Amino acid sequence: MVRASGPWLHCTDGRRIFDGSSGLICVNVGQGSRKVLSRIERQFFRSSFGGAAVVRPHVQVELMDRLCRAVGRPRDSVALVTCGTLGVEVAVGLARNIARVRGGKQRGDILTSSLSYHGNSALTLALAGNHARRPRPEDALGLGPAFPAPYPPAHDHAERACDASCADEVATAIDSRGPENVAAVLLEPINGTTGGAYVPPDGYLRRVSEICRERGVLVIHDEVLTGLWRTGTPLASNHWDGAEPDLCILSKGLGAGYTSVGAVLVSPEVAPLLRHDDADPLPAMGTMAAHPLQAAACLGVLDELESMDPGAVRARGERLGSLLRPLTGLTAVRDVRGIGHLYGVELAPGLLWPLMKEAEKRGVFFYPFTGAGEPRSEGLVVAPPLNSTDEDISYLTAVLRDTVSALHRDG
């Protein structure tokens, strides 16, 4: 690739390729945004650095306020960090602080599911259930996922599909550790690239919140991938009533590929406890956290997102799903699942890499996923930029359909 414009990647051989997975599911508003450029240029001549430990750059405060209003949590407190992984790490630290002040916790255990990904640090890899990236047992810090995700085959019911009662596994996990030892449950409200866009059963997230509330345990939602309209709503949790978390982590959709950024949102019910006399020192945000140029780029991304018609974005997401689901009629495709502009197309074993290569030849880039089961499921993440046109969606799905059909005939 030598340059990019909107959702299109331009290559050295003169070809252009449609970005069917928004880069690494982060380029939510395409590349080359004039709104983002304008914000960065304006800020560049005002200030290019302001360490959050000693000053509060005005643009940082503007971003925090605007972000909270954009996702419907206007009274939240915010910690800005430099990436999604650090956002998870900081959220863990904040949750432990809150839990100890509020409930006198003996330990600060963080419980995750068997089909999850929460970042690329030693701690987050050890906590989560990404089978491909989990460290060796001897390197896992004694940590690991605590309960099955409510999706097959991570939580397989021979006689029925997963439903809201699968949340009882979360209760079992907390009770086996002892609620006095558990600070928080950390969830992806909609599964990302570990399983390939699994959507939880209706009522599941609400029941998890109820279980945690009953036991004095916080709920953290990792919306690094799903936040900021990726699934058709500002936050993925907005799809269900009663699913609001205590802490929420955003990243990919906020920076949109223009800057590395993370944000931890903390609800007004628990944020004051972070300033309590008994609280531990807050976790470090990092030298480059709340960087003025970073904040300016994010404001430009919000400008782009808020210039879009939400109804049109939802309609394009629904159309994307309607064009992808018929692929299940081909033997090469085992399943199509997802919502909004986030879908997983699960393939028969051995087809992933040949299909990706052939799709690229035909003009579309996709990102792979490897998930659960044995052998591990595998497939494509289909996640075009949110401002893709109807013609872009038609092109993407036609190339994918033709590619799958060609491999099906060859097979």
Protein backbone atom coordinates (compact mmCIF):
# COMPACT_ATOMS: atom_id res chain seq x y z
CA MET A 1 0.00 0.00 0.00
CA VAL A 2 1.33 3.44 -0.92
CA ARG A 3 -1.68 5.56 0.00
CA ALA A 4 -5.30 5.33 1.12
CA SER A 5 -8.45 7.35 0.56
CA GLY A 6 -11.65 6.70 2.48
CA PRO A 7 -12.13 2.91 2.60
CA TRP A 8 -9.78 2.22 -0.34
CA LEU A 9 -6.14 1.10 -0.19
CA HIS A 10 -3.96 1.97 -3.19
CA CYS A 11 -1.10 -0.42 -4.01
CA THR A 12 2.26 -0.06 -5.74
CA ASP A 13 1.03 -2.05 -8.76
CA GLY A 14 -1.81 0.41 -9.40
CA ARG A 15 -4.59 -1.70 -7.93
CA ARG A 16 -6.97 -0.43 -5.30
CA ILE A 17 -8.37 -2.72 -2.61
CA PHE A 18 -11.45 -2.13 -0.48
CA ASP A 19 -10.76 -2.24 3.27
CA GLY A 20 -13.40 -4.76 4.29
CA SER A 21 -12.27 -4.97 7.92
CA SER A 22 -11.50 -1.30 8.67
CA GLY A 23 -7.82 -2.14 9.01
CA LEU A 24 -7.70 -3.92 12.35
CA ILE A 25 -11.36 -3.05 12.97
CA CYS A 26 -10.36 0.51 13.86
CA VAL A 27 -10.58 2.68 10.73
CA ASN A 28 -14.21 3.52 11.45
CA VAL A 29 -14.44 6.67 9.32
CA GLY A 30 -12.04 5.81 6.51
CA GLN A 31 -8.71 7.47 5.81
CA GLY A 32 -7.90 11.00 4.69
CA SER A 33 -10.60 12.76 6.76
CA ARG A 34 -10.57 16.53 6.30
CA LYS A 35 -12.33 16.96 9.62
CA VAL A 36 -9.55 15.11 11.45
CA LEU A 37 -6.84 17.05 9.59
CA SER A 38 -8.49 20.37 10.42
CA ARG A 39 -8.62 19.55 14.12
CA ILE A 40 -4.94 18.47 14.22
CA GLU A 41 -3.74 21.54 12.28
CA ARG A 42 -5.67 23.88 14.56
CA GLN A 43 -4.27 22.25 17.70
CA PHE A 44 -0.70 22.02 16.37
CA PHE A 45 -0.20 25.78 16.60
CA ARG A 46 -1.82 26.01 20.05
CA SER A 47 0.17 23.31 21.87
CA SER A 48 1.62 19.96 20.94
CA PHE A 49 2.15 18.52 24.43
CA GLY A 50 0.66 18.81 27.87
CA GLY A 51 1.49 16.17 30.44
CA ALA A 52 -1.70 15.06 32.18
CA ALA A 53 0.19 14.72 35.47
CA VAL A 54 0.86 18.48 35.66
CA VAL A 55 -1.58 20.31 33.35
CA ARG A 56 -5.05 19.80 31.92
CA PRO A 57 -4.96 20.81 28.24
CA HIS A 58 -8.27 22.40 27.29
CA VAL A 59 -8.62 20.10 24.28
CA GLN A 60 -8.38 17.09 26.60
CA VAL A 61 -11.24 18.37 28.76
CA GLU A 62 -13.28 19.12 25.62
CA LEU A 63 -12.73 15.56 24.36
CA MET A 64 -13.72 13.93 27.64
CA ASP A 65 -16.93 15.95 27.85
CA ARG A 66 -17.84 15.38 24.21
CA LEU A 67 -17.06 11.66 24.33
CA CYS A 68 -19.26 11.05 27.38
CA ARG A 69 -22.17 12.88 25.76
CA ALA A 70 -21.64 11.02 22.47
CA VAL A 71 -22.03 7.60 24.10
CA GLY A 72 -24.90 8.60 26.38
CA ARG A 73 -22.93 8.65 29.65
CA PRO A 74 -22.68 12.45 30.21
CA ARG A 75 -21.92 12.29 33.94
CA ASP A 76 -19.05 9.79 33.74
CA SER A 77 -15.47 10.47 34.77
CA VAL A 78 -12.76 9.65 32.21
CA ALA A 79 -9.16 8.48 32.18
CA LEU A 80 -7.46 8.98 28.82
CA VAL A 81 -4.63 6.58 27.96
CA THR A 82 -2.61 5.66 24.90
CA CYS A 83 -4.14 2.38 23.65
CA GLY A 84 -6.80 -0.23 24.30
CA THR A 85 -4.49 -2.60 26.16
CA LEU A 86 -3.49 0.14 28.59
CA GLY A 87 -7.14 1.09 28.89
CA VAL A 88 -7.88 -2.42 30.16
CA GLU A 89 -4.93 -2.32 32.55
CA VAL A 90 -6.02 1.06 33.94
CA ALA A 91 -9.64 -0.11 34.22
CA VAL A 92 -8.44 -3.10 36.24
CA GLY A 93 -6.52 -0.78 38.58
CA LEU A 94 -9.45 1.61 38.97
CA ALA A 95 -11.89 -1.25 39.61
CA ARG A 96 -9.65 -2.69 42.31
CA ASN A 97 -9.46 0.72 43.98
CA ILE A 98 -13.23 1.21 43.86
CA ALA A 99 -13.98 -2.31 45.08
CA ARG A 100 -11.66 -2.08 48.07
CA VAL A 101 -12.97 1.30 49.21
CA ARG A 102 -16.60 0.32 48.67
CA GLY A 103 -16.61 -3.22 49.98
CA GLY A 104 -13.38 -3.96 51.85
CA LYS A 105 -12.27 -6.57 49.34
CA GLN A 106 -9.45 -8.85 50.45
CA ARG A 107 -8.21 -9.35 46.88
CA GLY A 108 -8.84 -7.69 43.53
CA ASP A 109 -9.55 -10.67 41.28
CA ILE A 110 -10.79 -9.88 37.75
CA LEU A 111 -12.89 -12.59 36.10
CA THR A 112 -13.12 -13.06 32.32
CA SER A 113 -14.72 -15.54 29.92
CA SER A 114 -13.27 -18.48 28.03
CA LEU A 115 -13.71 -16.74 24.66
CA SER A 116 -12.30 -13.25 25.13
CA TYR A 117 -9.47 -10.90 24.22
CA HIS A 118 -8.58 -7.90 26.35
CA GLY A 119 -5.23 -6.68 25.06
CA ASN A 120 -1.66 -7.64 24.32
CA SER A 121 0.19 -7.17 27.61
CA ALA A 122 1.41 -9.96 29.87
CA LEU A 123 -1.45 -9.32 32.32
CA THR A 124 -4.28 -8.98 29.81
CA LEU A 125 -3.20 -12.00 27.76
CA ALA A 126 -3.02 -14.08 30.93
CA LEU A 127 -6.46 -12.94 32.12
CA ALA A 128 -8.36 -13.56 28.91
CA GLY A 129 -9.40 -16.57 26.86
CA ASN A 130 -7.89 -15.97 23.43
CA HIS A 131 -6.64 -19.47 22.63
CA ALA A 132 -4.18 -18.40 19.95
CA ARG A 133 -2.49 -15.75 22.10
CA ARG A 134 -2.64 -17.11 25.63
CA PRO A 135 0.85 -17.49 27.14
CA ARG A 136 2.29 -20.85 28.08
CA PRO A 137 0.84 -22.13 31.36
CA GLU A 138 4.08 -21.41 33.18
CA ASP A 139 3.99 -17.79 31.92
CA ALA A 140 0.31 -17.06 32.65
CA LEU A 141 0.90 -15.46 36.08
CA GLY A 142 -1.45 -18.02 37.61
CA LEU A 143 -4.36 -16.32 35.81
CA GLY A 144 -6.92 -17.45 33.28
CA PRO A 145 -10.56 -17.19 32.25
CA ALA A 146 -13.06 -18.06 34.99
CA PHE A 147 -16.34 -18.86 33.20
CA PRO A 148 -17.54 -20.04 29.77
CA ALA A 149 -18.69 -17.50 27.20
CA PRO A 150 -22.38 -17.86 26.28
CA TYR A 151 -21.64 -19.07 22.76
CA PRO A 152 -21.16 -22.51 21.22
CA PRO A 153 -18.83 -24.32 21.36
CA ALA A 154 -17.35 -22.43 24.33
CA HIS A 155 -20.54 -23.26 26.27
CA ASP A 156 -22.18 -26.10 24.38
CA HIS A 157 -25.64 -27.34 25.36
CA ALA A 158 -26.49 -30.50 23.48
CA GLU A 159 -30.20 -29.99 24.06
CA ARG A 160 -30.58 -26.19 23.61
CA ALA A 161 -28.99 -22.94 22.57
CA CYS A 162 -27.34 -20.58 25.02
CA ASP A 163 -29.72 -18.18 26.77
CA ALA A 164 -29.73 -15.68 29.65
CA SER A 165 -29.38 -18.51 32.18
CA CYS A 166 -25.78 -18.99 31.00
CA ALA A 167 -25.03 -16.02 33.24
CA ASP A 168 -25.39 -18.41 36.17
CA GLU A 169 -21.85 -19.54 35.29
CA VAL A 170 -20.67 -16.06 36.27
CA ALA A 171 -22.37 -16.41 39.65
CA THR A 172 -20.71 -19.80 40.14
CA ALA A 173 -17.29 -18.35 39.28
CA ILE A 174 -17.68 -15.44 41.73
CA ASP A 175 -18.98 -17.65 44.52
CA SER A 176 -16.19 -20.20 44.06
CA ARG A 177 -13.58 -17.45 44.49
CA GLY A 178 -15.57 -15.79 47.27
CA PRO A 179 -17.26 -12.43 46.48
CA GLU A 180 -14.92 -10.79 48.99
CA ASN A 181 -12.02 -11.62 46.65
CA VAL A 182 -13.53 -10.50 43.32
CA ALA A 183 -13.28 -6.86 42.25
CA ALA A 184 -14.87 -7.06 38.80
CA VAL A 185 -16.14 -9.13 35.90
CA LEU A 186 -14.59 -8.02 32.58
CA LEU A 187 -16.64 -8.71 29.43
CA GLU A 188 -16.78 -7.94 25.74
CA PRO A 189 -20.51 -7.13 25.42
CA ILE A 190 -20.34 -8.43 21.84
CA ASN A 191 -17.49 -10.79 21.01
CA GLY A 192 -14.76 -9.37 18.82
CA THR A 193 -12.13 -11.25 16.85
CA THR A 194 -11.54 -14.17 19.22
CA GLY A 195 -14.74 -16.02 18.32
CA GLY A 196 -15.80 -13.89 15.40
CA ALA A 197 -18.64 -11.46 16.25
CA TYR A 198 -20.78 -13.62 18.53
CA VAL A 199 -23.78 -11.71 19.92
CA PRO A 200 -24.86 -12.72 23.45
CA PRO A 201 -28.35 -14.13 24.12
CA ASP A 202 -31.02 -11.59 25.02
CA GLY A 203 -31.02 -10.93 28.74
CA TYR A 204 -27.52 -12.31 29.34
CA LEU A 205 -25.73 -9.02 30.01
CA ARG A 206 -28.55 -7.76 32.19
CA ARG A 207 -28.43 -10.94 34.26
CA VAL A 208 -24.63 -10.65 34.62
CA SER A 209 -25.11 -7.10 35.95
CA GLU A 210 -27.73 -8.30 38.44
CA ILE A 211 -25.49 -11.14 39.63
CA CYS A 212 -22.54 -8.79 40.12
CA ARG A 213 -24.64 -6.16 41.89
CA GLU A 214 -25.97 -8.76 44.31
CA ARG A 215 -22.38 -9.72 45.22
CA GLY A 216 -20.79 -6.27 45.33
CA VAL A 217 -18.76 -6.94 42.16
CA LEU A 218 -18.18 -4.31 39.47
CA VAL A 219 -18.90 -4.84 35.76
CA ILE A 220 -16.33 -3.67 33.19
CA HIS A 221 -17.23 -3.67 29.50
CA ASP A 222 -14.36 -3.91 27.04
CA GLU A 223 -15.73 -1.91 24.10
CA VAL A 224 -12.29 -1.33 22.56
CA LEU A 225 -13.54 -2.88 19.30
CA THR A 226 -17.31 -2.43 19.52
CA GLY A 227 -17.61 1.12 20.88
CA LEU A 228 -18.70 4.20 18.92
CA TRP A 229 -21.34 2.80 16.56
CA ARG A 230 -19.46 -0.26 15.28
CA THR A 231 -22.48 -2.43 16.15
CA GLY A 232 -25.10 0.18 15.16
CA THR A 233 -25.40 1.92 18.55
CA PRO A 234 -22.98 4.24 20.41
CA LEU A 235 -22.06 1.33 22.72
CA ALA A 236 -22.71 -2.35 22.10
CA SER A 237 -24.39 -2.58 25.52
CA ASN A 238 -27.07 -0.16 24.24
CA HIS A 239 -28.72 -3.07 22.43
CA TRP A 240 -30.11 -4.35 25.75
CA ASP A 241 -31.88 -2.67 28.66
CA GLY A 242 -30.20 -2.97 32.04
CA ALA A 243 -26.79 -3.83 30.58
CA GLU A 244 -24.92 -0.62 31.49
CA PRO A 245 -21.49 -1.30 33.06
CA ASP A 246 -19.75 0.45 35.94
CA LEU A 247 -16.65 1.01 33.79
CA CYS A 248 -16.38 1.06 29.99
CA ILE A 249 -13.20 0.94 27.88
CA LEU A 250 -13.06 2.57 24.42
CA SER A 251 -10.22 2.75 21.91
CA LYS A 252 -10.32 1.65 18.28
CA GLY A 253 -13.38 3.60 17.17
CA LEU A 254 -12.24 6.71 19.04
CA GLY A 255 -8.84 6.97 17.39
CA ALA A 256 -10.17 5.46 14.12
CA GLY A 257 -6.63 4.65 13.01
CA TYR A 258 -5.55 8.31 13.13
CA THR A 259 -4.03 8.04 16.60
CA SER A 260 -3.45 5.48 19.30
CA VAL A 261 -5.78 6.21 22.19
CA GLY A 262 -7.82 4.62 24.95
CA ALA A 263 -10.46 5.94 27.30
CA VAL A 264 -11.84 4.46 30.51
CA LEU A 265 -15.28 5.76 31.45
CA VAL A 266 -16.31 5.42 35.11
CA SER A 267 -19.94 5.81 36.20
CA PRO A 268 -20.86 8.65 38.60
CA GLU A 269 -22.08 6.14 41.17
CA VAL A 270 -18.57 4.78 41.79
CA ALA A 271 -16.13 7.43 40.49
CA PRO A 272 -16.16 9.46 43.77
CA LEU A 273 -14.68 6.45 45.57
CA LEU A 274 -11.47 6.93 43.59
CA ARG A 275 -10.92 10.17 45.53
CA HIS A 276 -11.66 8.62 48.90
CA ASP A 277 -9.02 8.94 51.62
CA ASP A 278 -8.70 5.14 51.77
CA ALA A 279 -8.10 4.72 48.03
CA ASP A 280 -4.75 3.55 46.71
CA PRO A 281 -2.84 5.85 44.35
CA LEU A 282 -4.45 5.93 40.93
CA PRO A 283 -2.76 3.87 38.18
CA ALA A 284 -0.39 5.83 35.94
CA MET A 285 -1.86 7.08 32.68
CA GLY A 286 1.49 7.41 30.86
CA THR A 287 3.62 10.25 29.52
CA MET A 288 1.70 10.55 26.26
CA ALA A 289 -1.79 10.11 27.75
CA ALA A 290 -4.18 12.97 27.01
CA HIS A 291 -1.73 14.28 24.38
CA PRO A 292 -3.24 17.44 22.82
CA LEU A 293 -2.73 16.29 19.22
CA GLN A 294 -4.18 12.90 20.11
CA ALA A 295 -7.22 14.57 21.64
CA ALA A 296 -7.60 16.82 18.60
CA ALA A 297 -7.58 13.84 16.25
CA CYS A 298 -10.24 12.14 18.37
CA LEU A 299 -12.42 15.24 18.25
CA GLY A 300 -12.12 15.12 14.46
CA VAL A 301 -13.24 11.48 14.51
CA LEU A 302 -16.25 12.46 16.63
CA ASP A 303 -16.97 15.23 14.12
CA GLU A 304 -17.05 12.59 11.38
CA LEU A 305 -19.17 10.16 13.37
CA GLU A 306 -21.69 12.78 14.42
CA SER A 307 -22.02 14.07 10.85
CA MET A 308 -23.39 10.67 9.83
CA ASP A 309 -27.10 9.90 9.81
CA PRO A 310 -27.52 7.23 12.54
CA GLY A 311 -30.52 5.76 10.76
CA ALA A 312 -28.57 5.43 7.51
CA VAL A 313 -25.63 3.80 9.33
CA ARG A 314 -27.97 1.28 10.95
CA ALA A 315 -29.68 0.61 7.62
CA ARG A 316 -26.35 -0.08 5.89
CA GLY A 317 -25.40 -2.43 8.71
CA GLU A 318 -28.67 -4.30 8.34
CA ARG A 319 -28.14 -4.47 4.59
CA LEU A 320 -24.63 -5.82 5.14
CA GLY A 321 -26.08 -8.62 7.26
CA SER A 322 -28.83 -9.38 4.76
CA LEU A 323 -26.25 -9.78 1.98
CA LEU A 324 -23.90 -11.93 4.08
CA ARG A 325 -26.36 -14.39 5.65
CA PRO A 326 -27.21 -16.21 2.38
CA LEU A 327 -23.56 -17.35 2.26
CA THR A 328 -24.56 -20.04 4.76
CA GLY A 329 -26.15 -21.84 1.81
CA LEU A 330 -22.66 -22.72 0.59
CA THR A 331 -20.89 -25.69 2.15
CA ALA A 332 -17.70 -23.63 2.55
CA VAL A 333 -19.47 -21.33 5.04
CA ARG A 334 -20.43 -22.75 8.43
CA ASP A 335 -22.01 -19.67 9.96
CA VAL A 336 -22.58 -15.94 9.54
CA ARG A 337 -23.18 -13.95 12.72
CA GLY A 338 -22.92 -10.37 13.92
CA ILE A 339 -24.68 -7.04 14.04
CA GLY A 340 -24.23 -3.52 12.66
CA HIS A 341 -20.93 -3.19 10.81
CA LEU A 342 -19.39 -6.22 12.58
CA TYR A 343 -19.84 -9.74 11.19
CA GLY A 344 -17.99 -13.02 11.43
CA VAL A 345 -18.10 -15.41 8.47
CA GLU A 346 -17.03 -18.80 9.81
CA LEU A 347 -15.48 -21.09 7.18
CA ALA A 348 -14.93 -24.78 6.79
CA PRO A 349 -11.45 -25.84 8.00
CA GLY A 350 -8.54 -25.06 5.69
CA LEU A 351 -10.25 -22.33 3.64
CA LEU A 352 -9.37 -19.19 5.60
CA TRP A 353 -6.01 -18.27 4.12
CA PRO A 354 -6.79 -19.32 0.52
CA LEU A 355 -10.00 -17.27 0.69
CA MET A 356 -8.26 -14.21 2.10
CA LYS A 357 -5.63 -14.39 -0.63
CA GLU A 358 -8.20 -14.82 -3.39
CA ALA A 359 -10.41 -12.02 -2.04
CA GLU A 360 -7.43 -9.68 -2.03
CA LYS A 361 -6.74 -10.56 -5.66
CA ARG A 362 -10.35 -9.70 -6.43
CA GLY A 363 -10.10 -6.36 -4.60
CA VAL A 364 -11.14 -6.70 -0.94
CA PHE A 365 -9.06 -7.01 2.24
CA PHE A 366 -10.41 -8.98 5.22
CA TYR A 367 -9.11 -9.63 8.72
CA PRO A 368 -9.05 -13.22 10.03
CA PHE A 369 -10.33 -14.69 13.28
CA THR A 370 -9.61 -17.99 14.99
CA GLY A 371 -12.02 -18.99 17.70
CA ALA A 372 -13.27 -21.82 19.86
CA GLY A 373 -13.65 -25.57 19.61
CA GLU A 374 -11.28 -28.29 18.51
CA PRO A 375 -10.13 -27.91 15.82
CA ARG A 376 -10.36 -24.16 16.29
CA SER A 377 -13.03 -22.41 14.25
CA GLU A 378 -11.76 -19.88 11.75
CA GLY A 379 -13.13 -17.25 9.45
CA LEU A 380 -13.24 -13.64 8.30
CA VAL A 381 -14.18 -10.50 10.19
CA VAL A 382 -16.32 -8.38 7.87
CA ALA A 383 -16.29 -4.86 9.31
CA PRO A 384 -16.21 -2.07 6.71
CA PRO A 385 -15.88 1.60 7.72
CA LEU A 386 -19.10 3.10 9.03
CA ASN A 387 -19.20 5.69 6.24
CA SER A 388 -18.97 3.13 3.46
CA THR A 389 -21.56 3.72 0.74
CA ASP A 390 -24.27 1.31 -0.40
CA GLU A 391 -22.15 0.73 -3.50
CA ASP A 392 -19.15 -0.15 -1.31
CA ILE A 393 -21.25 -2.68 0.64
CA SER A 394 -22.50 -4.21 -2.61
CA TYR A 395 -18.94 -4.47 -3.94
CA LEU A 396 -17.59 -6.05 -0.75
CA THR A 397 -20.32 -8.67 -0.48
CA ALA A 398 -20.26 -9.50 -4.20
CA VAL A 399 -16.50 -10.13 -4.08
CA LEU A 400 -16.88 -12.29 -0.99
CA ARG A 401 -19.75 -14.28 -2.49
CA ASP A 402 -17.86 -14.84 -5.76
CA THR A 403 -14.67 -15.80 -3.92
CA VAL A 404 -16.44 -18.31 -1.67
CA SER A 405 -18.31 -19.74 -4.67
CA ALA A 406 -15.07 -20.13 -6.63
CA LEU A 407 -13.35 -21.94 -3.77
CA HIS A 408 -16.46 -24.09 -3.29
CA ARG A 409 -16.35 -25.13 -6.98
CA ASP A 410 -12.59 -25.75 -6.86
CA GLY A 411 -13.00 -27.80 -3.67
